[in-house]
Amino acid sequence: MLHVCALEIDIRIPDSHSLKAKRATVKHLVEGCRSRFAVAAAEVGYQDQWQRCALGFAAVSGTPGQVETVLDSVERFVWSQPEVDVVAASRTWLETEQ
């Protein structure tokens, strides 16, 4: 069975004073999560704001527990970054039919 979940994390980057500074922080988060946790990752919102960002992550596995474990690790990684403040995080499961 296929288990798929998307995680959206809304963050603030209080010390960012330009889109260039924001992009550096976002790149670090997105590439870090891709390489460490083998998830799909992208900036999905607030592209034109300097201090806000919505990040999207997706994980796929044969068991729901593995998906939860991977996305929990992604969340902990983002929360651990001192340059960002997490505003909200939400998960959406994709229903699959057999």
C-alpha atoms as a PDB file:
ATOM      1  CA  MET A   1       0.000   0.000   0.000  1.00  0.00           C
ATOM      2  CA  LEU A   2       1.169   3.512  -0.781  1.00  0.00           C
ATOM      3  CA  HIS A   3       1.201   6.144   1.986  1.00  0.00           C
ATOM      4  CA  VAL A   4       1.743   9.789   1.011  1.00  0.00           C
ATOM      5  CA  CYS A   5       1.723  12.873   3.221  1.00  0.00           C
ATOM      6  CA  ALA A   6       2.410  16.546   2.555  1.00  0.00           C
ATOM      7  CA  LEU A   7       3.749  18.846   5.256  1.00  0.00           C
ATOM      8  CA  GLU A   8       3.405  22.620   4.989  1.00  0.00           C
ATOM      9  CA  ILE A   9       5.428  24.811   7.338  1.00  0.00           C
ATOM     10  CA  ASP A  10       4.822  28.556   7.486  1.00  0.00           C
ATOM     11  CA  ILE A  11       7.871  30.442   8.782  1.00  0.00           C
ATOM     12  CA  ARG A  12       9.055  33.956   9.554  1.00  0.00           C
ATOM     13  CA  ILE A  13      12.630  35.047   8.874  1.00  0.00           C
ATOM     14  CA  PRO A  14      12.884  38.119  11.126  1.00  0.00           C
ATOM     15  CA  ASP A  15      16.459  39.090  10.215  1.00  0.00           C
ATOM     16  CA  SER A  16      15.842  39.013   6.458  1.00  0.00           C
ATOM     17  CA  HIS A  17      15.880  42.471   4.879  1.00  0.00           C
ATOM     18  CA  SER A  18      15.872  41.468   1.213  1.00  0.00           C
ATOM     19  CA  LEU A  19      14.629  38.722  -1.063  1.00  0.00           C
ATOM     20  CA  LYS A  20      18.259  37.686  -1.573  1.00  0.00           C
ATOM     21  CA  ALA A  21      18.729  37.105   2.172  1.00  0.00           C
ATOM     22  CA  LYS A  22      15.432  35.224   2.331  1.00  0.00           C
ATOM     23  CA  ARG A  23      16.413  32.992  -0.598  1.00  0.00           C
ATOM     24  CA  ALA A  24      19.671  32.019   1.140  1.00  0.00           C
ATOM     25  CA  THR A  25      17.758  30.848   4.223  1.00  0.00           C
ATOM     26  CA  VAL A  26      15.099  29.071   2.171  1.00  0.00           C
ATOM     27  CA  LYS A  27      17.738  27.345   0.030  1.00  0.00           C
ATOM     28  CA  HIS A  28      19.491  26.066   3.162  1.00  0.00           C
ATOM     29  CA  LEU A  29      16.232  24.633   4.530  1.00  0.00           C
ATOM     30  CA  VAL A  30      14.993  23.095   1.277  1.00  0.00           C
ATOM     31  CA  GLU A  31      18.295  21.554   0.224  1.00  0.00           C
ATOM     32  CA  GLY A  32      19.062  20.416   3.776  1.00  0.00           C
ATOM     33  CA  CYS A  33      15.759  18.553   4.025  1.00  0.00           C
ATOM     34  CA  ARG A  34      16.087  17.043   0.562  1.00  0.00           C
ATOM     35  CA  SER A  35      19.548  15.649   1.240  1.00  0.00           C
ATOM     36  CA  ARG A  36      19.055  14.612   4.894  1.00  0.00           C
ATOM     37  CA  PHE A  37      15.574  13.120   4.712  1.00  0.00           C
ATOM     38  CA  ALA A  38      15.009  12.264   1.013  1.00  0.00           C
ATOM     39  CA  VAL A  39      11.788  14.282   0.792  1.00  0.00           C
ATOM     40  CA  ALA A  40      10.435  16.456  -1.981  1.00  0.00           C
ATOM     41  CA  ALA A  41      10.738  20.086  -0.866  1.00  0.00           C
ATOM     42  CA  ALA A  42       9.887  23.517  -2.279  1.00  0.00           C
ATOM     43  CA  GLU A  43       8.980  27.084  -1.390  1.00  0.00           C
ATOM     44  CA  VAL A  44       5.204  27.169  -1.881  1.00  0.00           C
ATOM     45  CA  GLY A  45       4.052  30.562  -0.627  1.00  0.00           C
ATOM     46  CA  TYR A  46       4.893  34.184   0.151  1.00  0.00           C
ATOM     47  CA  GLN A  47       7.491  34.305  -2.646  1.00  0.00           C
ATOM     48  CA  ASP A  48       7.337  38.110  -2.817  1.00  0.00           C
ATOM     49  CA  GLN A  49       7.689  38.798   0.937  1.00  0.00           C
ATOM     50  CA  TRP A  50      11.086  39.243   2.582  1.00  0.00           C
ATOM     51  CA  GLN A  51      10.307  37.815   5.994  1.00  0.00           C
ATOM     52  CA  ARG A  52       7.658  35.160   5.323  1.00  0.00           C
ATOM     53  CA  CYS A  53       7.800  31.804   3.606  1.00  0.00           C
ATOM     54  CA  ALA A  54       5.666  28.714   3.228  1.00  0.00           C
ATOM     55  CA  LEU A  55       7.629  25.522   2.687  1.00  0.00           C
ATOM     56  CA  GLY A  56       6.126  22.313   1.345  1.00  0.00           C
ATOM     57  CA  PHE A  57       7.497  18.805   1.897  1.00  0.00           C
ATOM     58  CA  ALA A  58       6.218  15.421   0.731  1.00  0.00           C
ATOM     59  CA  ALA A  59       7.109  11.897   1.799  1.00  0.00           C
ATOM     60  CA  VAL A  60       6.081   8.509   0.413  1.00  0.00           C
ATOM     61  CA  SER A  61       6.480   5.088   2.012  1.00  0.00           C
ATOM     62  CA  GLY A  62       4.928   1.663   2.285  1.00  0.00           C
ATOM     63  CA  THR A  63       3.959   2.303   5.910  1.00  0.00           C
ATOM     64  CA  PRO A  64       2.312   5.334   7.511  1.00  0.00           C
ATOM     65  CA  GLY A  65       4.699   5.094  10.466  1.00  0.00           C
ATOM     66  CA  GLN A  66       7.725   5.635   8.235  1.00  0.00           C
ATOM     67  CA  VAL A  67       6.113   8.686   6.619  1.00  0.00           C
ATOM     68  CA  GLU A  68       5.360  10.124  10.082  1.00  0.00           C
ATOM     69  CA  THR A  69       8.944   9.488  11.226  1.00  0.00           C
ATOM     70  CA  VAL A  70      10.441  11.235   8.202  1.00  0.00           C
ATOM     71  CA  LEU A  71       8.138  14.262   8.432  1.00  0.00           C
ATOM     72  CA  ASP A  72       8.708  14.507  12.203  1.00  0.00           C
ATOM     73  CA  SER A  73      12.441  14.737  11.438  1.00  0.00           C
ATOM     74  CA  VAL A  74      11.833  17.437   8.831  1.00  0.00           C
ATOM     75  CA  GLU A  75       9.768  19.445  11.328  1.00  0.00           C
ATOM     76  CA  ARG A  76      12.442  19.125  14.027  1.00  0.00           C
ATOM     77  CA  PHE A  77      15.111  20.271  11.546  1.00  0.00           C
ATOM     78  CA  VAL A  78      13.136  23.390  10.598  1.00  0.00           C
ATOM     79  CA  TRP A  79      12.277  24.180  14.239  1.00  0.00           C
ATOM     80  CA  SER A  80      15.969  23.852  15.168  1.00  0.00           C
ATOM     81  CA  GLN A  81      17.103  26.619  12.815  1.00  0.00           C
ATOM     82  CA  PRO A  82      17.822  29.754  14.883  1.00  0.00           C
ATOM     83  CA  GLU A  83      17.217  32.138  11.962  1.00  0.00           C
ATOM     84  CA  VAL A  84      13.546  31.151  11.518  1.00  0.00           C
ATOM     85  CA  ASP A  85      10.384  31.276  13.595  1.00  0.00           C
ATOM     86  CA  VAL A  86       7.786  28.615  12.835  1.00  0.00           C
ATOM     87  CA  VAL A  87       4.326  30.182  12.585  1.00  0.00           C
ATOM     88  CA  ALA A  88       2.324  27.052  11.717  1.00  0.00           C
ATOM     89  CA  ALA A  89       2.693  23.493  10.452  1.00  0.00           C
ATOM     90  CA  SER A  90       0.065  21.201   8.982  1.00  0.00           C
ATOM     91  CA  ARG A  91      -0.060  17.772   7.370  1.00  0.00           C
ATOM     92  CA  THR A  92      -2.332  16.473   4.637  1.00  0.00           C
ATOM     93  CA  TRP A  93      -2.564  12.767   3.863  1.00  0.00           C
ATOM     94  CA  LEU A  94      -3.288  11.612   0.337  1.00  0.00           C
ATOM     95  CA  GLU A  95      -5.951   8.924   0.273  1.00  0.00           C
ATOM     96  CA  THR A  96      -5.034   6.024  -1.989  1.00  0.00           C
ATOM     97  CA  GLU A  97      -7.261   3.256  -3.190  1.00  0.00           C
ATOM     98  CA  GLN A  98      -6.222  -0.353  -3.537  1.00  0.00           C
END
